[in-house]
Each structure stands twice: as C-alpha cells, then as structure tokens.
N, C-alpha and C. Protein backbone atom coordinates (compact mmCIF):
# COMPACT_ATOMS: atom_id res chain seq x y z
N MET A 1 54.48 20.31 201.22
CA MET A 1 53.42 20.94 202.17
C MET A 1 52.62 19.59 202.83
N GLN A 2 52.54 19.60 204.35
CA GLN A 2 51.88 18.72 204.92
C GLN A 2 50.48 18.72 204.74
N ARG A 3 49.83 17.64 204.73
CA ARG A 3 48.42 17.55 204.60
C ARG A 3 47.59 17.86 205.61
N LEU A 4 46.64 18.64 205.47
CA LEU A 4 45.94 19.04 206.70
C LEU A 4 44.93 18.07 207.03
N GLU A 5 44.63 17.83 208.26
CA GLU A 5 43.53 16.76 208.87
C GLU A 5 42.13 17.34 208.57
N GLY A 6 41.25 16.68 208.53
CA GLY A 6 39.84 17.17 208.36
C GLY A 6 39.37 17.77 207.25
N SER A 7 38.20 17.93 206.81
CA SER A 7 37.89 18.61 205.50
C SER A 7 36.62 18.78 205.65
N TYR A 8 36.17 19.78 204.89
CA TYR A 8 34.86 20.21 204.71
C TYR A 8 34.70 20.62 203.17
N LYS A 9 33.80 19.85 202.38
CA LYS A 9 33.76 20.00 200.85
C LYS A 9 35.07 20.21 200.20
N GLY A 10 35.95 19.11 200.85
CA GLY A 10 37.25 19.13 199.97
C GLY A 10 38.15 20.02 200.53
N HIS A 11 38.08 20.55 201.37
CA HIS A 11 38.73 21.86 201.85
C HIS A 11 39.25 21.49 203.37
N PRO A 12 40.56 21.68 203.75
CA PRO A 12 40.84 21.31 205.27
C PRO A 12 40.20 22.35 206.15
N ALA A 13 39.69 21.73 207.30
CA ALA A 13 38.97 22.55 208.25
C ALA A 13 39.78 22.67 209.38
N LEU A 14 41.03 21.81 209.54
CA LEU A 14 41.78 21.73 210.84
C LEU A 14 43.32 21.84 210.40
N LEU A 15 43.97 22.57 211.20
CA LEU A 15 45.36 22.32 210.96
C LEU A 15 45.83 21.01 211.66
N PRO A 16 47.15 20.54 211.37
CA PRO A 16 47.55 19.17 212.02
C PRO A 16 47.57 19.03 213.32
N ASP A 17 47.49 20.30 214.11
CA ASP A 17 47.51 20.14 215.63
C ASP A 17 46.10 20.18 216.05
N GLY A 18 45.00 20.10 215.07
CA GLY A 18 43.64 20.11 215.47
C GLY A 18 42.90 21.62 215.64
N ARG A 19 43.79 22.45 215.39
CA ARG A 19 42.91 23.79 215.42
C ARG A 19 42.11 24.04 214.25
N ILE A 20 40.93 24.79 214.61
CA ILE A 20 39.99 24.97 213.36
C ILE A 20 40.58 26.20 212.77
N ILE A 21 40.57 26.03 211.33
CA ILE A 21 41.09 27.12 210.69
C ILE A 21 40.31 28.73 210.56
N ALA A 22 39.04 28.47 210.58
CA ALA A 22 38.51 29.83 210.17
C ALA A 22 38.50 30.67 211.46
N PRO A 23 38.31 30.45 212.90
CA PRO A 23 38.36 31.30 213.92
C PRO A 23 40.07 31.71 213.71
N LEU A 24 40.85 31.00 213.32
CA LEU A 24 42.40 31.36 213.38
C LEU A 24 42.62 32.72 212.45
N TRP A 25 41.89 32.50 211.24
CA TRP A 25 41.99 33.83 210.33
C TRP A 25 41.45 35.09 211.36
N GLU A 26 40.67 34.89 212.19
CA GLU A 26 40.06 35.94 212.88
C GLU A 26 41.12 36.50 213.76
N GLU A 27 41.68 35.66 214.51
CA GLU A 27 42.63 35.96 215.36
C GLU A 27 43.98 36.67 214.67
N ALA A 28 44.14 36.19 213.68
CA ALA A 28 45.58 36.55 212.91
C ALA A 28 45.32 37.96 212.36
N ILE A 29 43.95 38.12 211.86
CA ILE A 29 43.69 39.38 211.04
C ILE A 29 43.04 40.57 211.85
N ILE A 30 42.20 40.26 212.90
CA ILE A 30 41.43 41.13 213.71
C ILE A 30 42.27 41.42 214.70
N ASP A 31 43.19 40.62 215.40
CA ASP A 31 43.83 40.78 216.62
C ASP A 31 45.25 41.08 216.20
N GLY A 32 45.57 41.04 214.94
CA GLY A 32 46.83 41.64 214.54
C GLY A 32 48.05 40.47 214.98
N ASN A 33 47.56 39.38 214.75
CA ASN A 33 48.80 38.23 215.26
C ASN A 33 49.48 37.71 213.88
N ASP A 34 50.46 38.53 213.59
CA ASP A 34 51.08 38.46 212.33
C ASP A 34 51.83 37.04 212.30
N ASP A 35 52.45 36.45 213.29
CA ASP A 35 53.07 35.10 213.42
C ASP A 35 51.97 34.12 212.97
N LEU A 36 50.84 34.03 213.46
CA LEU A 36 49.69 33.22 213.04
C LEU A 36 49.32 33.60 211.76
N LEU A 37 49.06 34.67 211.16
CA LEU A 37 48.81 35.19 209.88
C LEU A 37 49.74 34.22 208.90
N TYR A 38 51.04 34.42 208.90
CA TYR A 38 52.16 33.67 208.16
C TYR A 38 51.96 32.36 208.27
N GLU A 39 51.71 31.77 209.57
CA GLU A 39 51.65 30.40 209.65
C GLU A 39 50.49 29.68 208.66
N LEU A 40 49.26 30.63 208.86
CA LEU A 40 48.06 30.17 208.24
C LEU A 40 48.33 30.26 206.71
N ILE A 41 48.99 31.19 206.08
CA ILE A 41 49.31 31.44 204.68
C ILE A 41 50.07 30.35 204.23
N GLU A 42 50.94 29.75 205.05
CA GLU A 42 52.01 28.74 204.92
C GLU A 42 51.35 27.34 204.77
N LYS A 43 50.37 27.34 205.66
CA LYS A 43 49.82 25.98 205.94
C LYS A 43 48.29 25.55 205.06
N VAL A 44 47.67 26.69 204.93
CA VAL A 44 46.51 26.45 204.30
C VAL A 44 46.64 26.71 202.76
N PRO A 45 46.11 25.71 202.12
CA PRO A 45 46.38 25.58 200.64
C PRO A 45 45.62 26.54 199.57
N ASP A 46 44.54 27.14 200.24
CA ASP A 46 43.87 28.12 199.51
C ASP A 46 43.44 29.33 200.45
N VAL A 47 44.06 30.31 200.10
CA VAL A 47 43.71 31.48 201.08
C VAL A 47 42.38 32.23 200.79
N ASN A 48 41.62 31.80 199.64
CA ASN A 48 40.21 32.36 199.16
C ASN A 48 39.52 31.64 199.82
N TYR A 49 39.53 30.23 200.51
CA TYR A 49 38.41 29.40 201.22
C TYR A 49 38.23 30.04 202.37
N VAL A 50 36.86 29.69 202.80
CA VAL A 50 36.29 29.85 204.29
C VAL A 50 35.65 28.65 204.55
N ASP A 51 36.11 28.15 205.60
CA ASP A 51 35.49 26.73 206.14
C ASP A 51 34.29 27.32 206.95
N LEU A 52 32.91 27.13 206.13
CA LEU A 52 31.75 27.70 206.71
C LEU A 52 31.47 26.53 207.68
N SER A 53 31.89 25.38 207.93
CA SER A 53 31.15 24.58 208.76
C SER A 53 31.78 24.80 210.27
N SER A 54 32.50 25.84 210.41
CA SER A 54 32.90 26.17 211.73
C SER A 54 32.42 27.37 212.28
N VAL A 55 31.50 27.97 211.25
CA VAL A 55 30.84 29.45 211.53
C VAL A 55 30.42 29.58 213.04
N THR A 56 29.47 28.69 213.53
CA THR A 56 29.10 28.49 214.70
C THR A 56 29.69 28.73 215.89
N LEU A 57 31.15 28.23 215.55
CA LEU A 57 32.25 28.24 216.67
C LEU A 57 32.74 29.47 217.15
N SER A 58 32.51 30.47 216.20
CA SER A 58 33.05 31.81 216.36
C SER A 58 31.96 32.96 216.47
N LEU A 59 32.29 33.97 217.30
CA LEU A 59 31.51 35.14 217.61
C LEU A 59 31.59 36.16 216.58
N ARG A 60 32.64 36.08 215.86
CA ARG A 60 32.95 37.14 214.96
C ARG A 60 32.75 36.81 213.54
N HIS A 61 33.67 36.78 212.53
CA HIS A 61 33.45 36.75 211.15
C HIS A 61 33.88 35.43 210.34
N SER A 62 34.07 34.35 210.98
CA SER A 62 34.39 32.98 210.42
C SER A 62 33.90 32.86 208.90
N ASP A 63 32.97 33.43 208.69
CA ASP A 63 32.45 33.09 207.20
C ASP A 63 32.76 34.27 206.00
N GLU A 64 33.65 35.07 206.66
CA GLU A 64 34.27 36.12 205.71
C GLU A 64 35.69 35.51 205.08
N GLN A 65 35.79 35.75 203.74
CA GLN A 65 37.08 35.39 203.25
C GLN A 65 38.30 36.18 204.14
N PRO A 66 39.30 35.53 204.00
CA PRO A 66 40.47 36.32 204.73
C PRO A 66 40.81 37.58 204.13
N LEU A 67 40.78 37.49 203.03
CA LEU A 67 41.11 39.16 202.50
C LEU A 67 39.90 40.07 202.83
N ILE A 68 38.69 39.74 202.64
CA ILE A 68 37.53 40.74 202.90
C ILE A 68 37.75 41.03 204.40
N LEU A 69 38.09 40.10 205.15
CA LEU A 69 38.41 40.27 206.78
C LEU A 69 39.31 41.35 206.97
N ALA A 70 40.57 41.29 206.49
CA ALA A 70 41.73 41.94 206.37
C ALA A 70 41.34 43.30 205.96
N ILE A 71 40.44 43.52 204.90
CA ILE A 71 40.09 44.93 204.33
C ILE A 71 39.08 45.65 205.43
N ARG A 72 38.10 44.87 205.96
CA ARG A 72 37.19 45.39 206.81
C ARG A 72 37.82 45.98 207.93
N TYR A 73 38.84 45.06 208.30
CA TYR A 73 39.46 45.62 209.83
C TYR A 73 40.96 46.51 209.18
N GLU A 74 41.06 46.82 208.21
CA GLU A 74 42.24 47.64 207.83
C GLU A 74 43.36 47.14 208.09
N ASN A 75 43.56 45.87 208.11
CA ASN A 75 44.95 45.31 208.52
C ASN A 75 45.70 45.26 207.06
N LEU A 76 46.66 46.20 206.95
CA LEU A 76 47.42 46.57 205.71
C LEU A 76 48.49 45.40 205.57
N THR A 77 48.87 44.89 206.61
CA THR A 77 49.91 43.83 206.53
C THR A 77 49.19 42.62 206.14
N ALA A 78 48.00 42.39 206.66
CA ALA A 78 47.51 41.14 206.11
C ALA A 78 46.86 41.20 204.73
N VAL A 79 46.40 42.30 204.46
CA VAL A 79 46.10 42.53 202.87
C VAL A 79 47.27 42.33 202.22
N SER A 80 48.28 42.87 202.26
CA SER A 80 49.48 42.69 201.48
C SER A 80 49.86 41.30 201.32
N ALA A 81 50.03 40.40 202.68
CA ALA A 81 50.43 39.05 202.50
C ALA A 81 49.60 38.32 201.91
N LEU A 82 48.24 38.40 202.18
CA LEU A 82 47.23 37.52 201.34
C LEU A 82 47.21 37.64 200.01
N LEU A 83 47.33 39.01 199.55
CA LEU A 83 47.43 39.29 197.99
C LEU A 83 48.68 38.52 197.37
N ALA A 84 49.63 38.45 198.15
CA ALA A 84 51.08 37.95 197.98
C ALA A 84 50.92 36.52 197.62
N ALA A 85 50.03 36.04 198.77
CA ALA A 85 49.68 34.38 198.66
C ALA A 85 48.77 34.00 197.66
N GLY A 86 48.13 34.97 196.77
CA GLY A 86 47.38 34.59 195.85
C GLY A 86 45.77 34.82 196.10
N ALA A 87 45.40 35.49 197.20
CA ALA A 87 44.12 36.00 197.35
C ALA A 87 43.36 36.65 196.19
N ASN A 88 42.40 36.25 195.76
CA ASN A 88 41.73 36.66 194.59
C ASN A 88 41.12 38.09 194.90
N PRO A 89 41.27 39.15 194.41
CA PRO A 89 40.86 40.51 194.82
C PRO A 89 39.39 40.58 193.97
N ASN A 90 39.20 39.56 193.01
CA ASN A 90 37.87 39.83 192.34
C ASN A 90 36.80 38.77 192.79
N MET A 91 37.10 38.28 193.84
CA MET A 91 36.27 37.07 194.42
C MET A 91 34.98 37.88 195.12
N ARG A 92 33.94 37.77 194.76
CA ARG A 92 32.78 38.41 195.49
C ARG A 92 32.43 37.40 196.70
N SER A 93 32.26 38.35 197.91
CA SER A 93 32.00 37.97 199.26
C SER A 93 30.63 38.00 199.48
N GLU A 94 30.17 37.20 200.21
CA GLU A 94 28.65 36.99 200.54
C GLU A 94 28.80 37.34 202.05
N TYR A 95 28.50 38.11 202.82
CA TYR A 95 28.32 38.24 204.20
C TYR A 95 27.13 38.78 204.77
N GLN A 96 26.82 38.74 206.04
CA GLN A 96 25.68 39.30 206.63
C GLN A 96 25.80 40.79 207.14
N GLY A 97 24.77 41.51 206.83
CA GLY A 97 24.85 43.01 207.18
C GLY A 97 23.98 43.17 208.37
N PRO A 98 23.79 44.37 208.49
CA PRO A 98 22.97 44.77 209.64
C PRO A 98 21.60 44.21 209.63
N MET A 99 21.09 43.89 210.71
CA MET A 99 19.83 43.14 210.84
C MET A 99 19.63 42.08 210.03
N ASP A 100 20.89 41.19 209.82
CA ASP A 100 20.75 40.06 209.37
C ASP A 100 20.39 40.03 207.72
N THR A 101 20.82 41.16 207.12
CA THR A 101 20.49 41.23 205.52
C THR A 101 21.58 40.69 204.88
N ALA A 102 21.52 39.73 203.84
CA ALA A 102 22.37 39.18 203.03
C ALA A 102 22.99 40.63 202.16
N LEU A 103 24.50 40.41 202.41
CA LEU A 103 25.17 41.62 201.33
C LEU A 103 26.04 40.83 200.50
N SER A 104 26.40 41.43 199.55
CA SER A 104 27.38 40.84 198.47
C SER A 104 28.35 42.07 198.14
N ALA A 105 29.56 41.86 198.03
CA ALA A 105 30.62 42.92 197.44
C ALA A 105 31.70 42.40 197.19
N TYR A 106 32.41 43.17 196.32
CA TYR A 106 33.80 42.73 195.96
C TYR A 106 34.91 43.41 197.00
N PRO A 107 36.03 42.86 196.91
CA PRO A 107 37.03 43.27 197.87
C PRO A 107 37.20 44.88 197.64
N LEU A 108 37.44 45.11 196.38
CA LEU A 108 37.59 46.88 196.14
C LEU A 108 36.42 47.43 196.65
N GLU A 109 35.28 47.07 196.65
CA GLU A 109 34.10 47.99 196.82
C GLU A 109 34.23 48.15 198.40
N ILE A 110 34.53 46.97 199.10
CA ILE A 110 34.79 47.19 200.65
C ILE A 110 35.94 47.98 201.15
N ALA A 111 36.84 47.94 200.13
CA ALA A 111 37.89 48.86 200.40
C ALA A 111 37.53 50.34 200.24
N MET A 112 36.91 50.51 199.31
CA MET A 112 36.54 51.84 199.13
C MET A 112 35.74 52.31 200.28
N ASP A 113 34.84 51.37 200.74
CA ASP A 113 34.04 51.90 201.77
C ASP A 113 34.71 52.34 203.06
N THR A 114 35.87 51.68 203.30
CA THR A 114 36.75 51.91 204.38
C THR A 114 37.45 53.19 204.33
N GLY A 115 37.72 53.76 203.03
CA GLY A 115 38.36 55.11 202.88
C GLY A 115 39.65 54.77 203.01
N ASN A 116 40.34 53.66 203.18
CA ASN A 116 41.96 53.36 203.46
C ASN A 116 42.58 53.57 202.03
N GLU A 117 43.16 54.57 201.84
CA GLU A 117 43.85 54.83 200.36
C GLU A 117 44.88 53.87 200.17
N LYS A 118 45.66 53.28 201.31
CA LYS A 118 46.79 52.36 201.01
C LYS A 118 46.29 50.72 200.67
N ILE A 119 45.06 50.73 201.35
CA ILE A 119 44.22 49.26 200.92
C ILE A 119 43.56 49.48 199.72
N ILE A 120 42.94 50.73 199.33
CA ILE A 120 42.29 50.70 198.12
C ILE A 120 43.40 50.87 196.98
N GLU A 121 44.59 51.38 197.23
CA GLU A 121 45.64 51.39 196.10
C GLU A 121 46.12 49.87 195.90
N LEU A 122 46.32 49.09 196.72
CA LEU A 122 46.79 47.84 196.82
C LEU A 122 45.76 46.96 195.98
N GLN A 123 44.43 47.08 196.23
CA GLN A 123 43.51 46.26 195.77
C GLN A 123 43.45 46.69 194.07
N LYS A 124 43.49 47.89 193.96
CA LYS A 124 43.29 48.34 192.39
C LYS A 124 44.40 47.69 191.55
N THR A 125 45.92 47.61 192.18
CA THR A 125 46.91 47.02 191.55
C THR A 125 46.68 45.69 191.31
N GLN A 126 46.10 44.83 192.07
CA GLN A 126 45.91 43.51 192.00
C GLN A 126 44.48 43.06 191.20
N VAL A 127 43.46 43.98 191.14
CA VAL A 127 42.42 43.54 190.40
C VAL A 127 42.42 43.27 188.99
N ARG A 128 43.58 43.97 188.59
CA ARG A 128 43.83 43.74 187.09
C ARG A 128 44.45 42.25 186.64
N LYS A 129 45.12 41.70 187.70
CA LYS A 129 45.84 40.47 187.68
C LYS A 129 44.88 39.44 187.72
N TYR A 130 43.77 39.38 187.94
CA TYR A 130 42.78 38.26 188.11
C TYR A 130 41.70 38.34 187.38
N PRO A 131 41.16 37.22 186.73
CA PRO A 131 39.87 37.17 186.10
C PRO A 131 38.73 37.48 187.02
N VAL A 132 37.63 38.27 186.53
CA VAL A 132 36.49 38.22 187.40
C VAL A 132 35.86 36.80 187.44
N PRO A 133 35.48 36.15 188.50
CA PRO A 133 34.85 34.94 188.34
C PRO A 133 33.30 35.13 187.76
N ALA A 134 32.90 33.86 186.96
CA ALA A 134 31.66 34.01 186.48
C ALA A 134 30.66 33.98 187.57
N ASP A 135 29.56 34.65 187.25
CA ASP A 135 28.32 34.94 188.06
C ASP A 135 27.86 33.38 188.20
N ASP A 136 27.64 32.74 189.46
CA ASP A 136 27.02 31.72 189.69
C ASP A 136 25.59 31.45 189.38
N SER A 137 24.89 32.48 189.26
CA SER A 137 23.34 32.44 189.10
C SER A 137 22.93 31.96 187.82
C-alpha cells in the first residue's frame, strides 16, 4: 500500500494526489460515488478514522465516521463495503445534533433510527464480531 502524504494525529489526512480525505468520504457516501468509495477503502488504512483537522473545509459531515455517514444516508452499498473493509460497528460516534447539541450513539442505534431493515440486519450480524470499545471516560 502506498503511504499517504500529510497526517493528523498519526493518521493520513491527504491522498497521494493531495485530496483531503474527509470530504471525499462525503462525496463517496452521500453522493453515491461508488468508484470513489472503493478507492478510499483501498487507500485509507483505517476506515474507522475521521480526519477532524479538515472539518471546517466541508459543509456537511466530515466529522462523522464513514460507517455512521453511510448508515445515516442509508447507503447500503457503502455500509456493506465499509463493514467488509473492517469498519467497527461497535464504535461510538460523537456528532452534532439539532441546535448544536452534542450527541453520541452506536451505529446500530443510528441504523434503528433510520428504520432501514437491510442496514439494521447488516449491523446486527457484524456487532457480534467486534468487541465493544472501552469507555474513555
């Protein structure tokens, strides 16, 4: 695997061609760009990581884990691909809710909120495969 240039807290922030990773997850997932989705899965070493250094460069959801973004936008292709690539379905997500309230939820909780049965079932089958991360508090 080619080393990615630029980093933030030890994680790559840029693809080799200089594109910032976080907004690319949005384009791949929200806009349904499957070619870009598979490129990112191939080139980004940790699909659970979000580059928070570039949040201000995006107008949408660069601070959300790719799996959470795929679930919220009910992108079944992205959910399946990310889980297959090692996205942890037990990793709690911190995100901004209505009126700038801080919210926290597990991917399965967010999947249940969407009501999308296919995504819920995918999440349920994967949850058992991963340990729940220890609470950092």
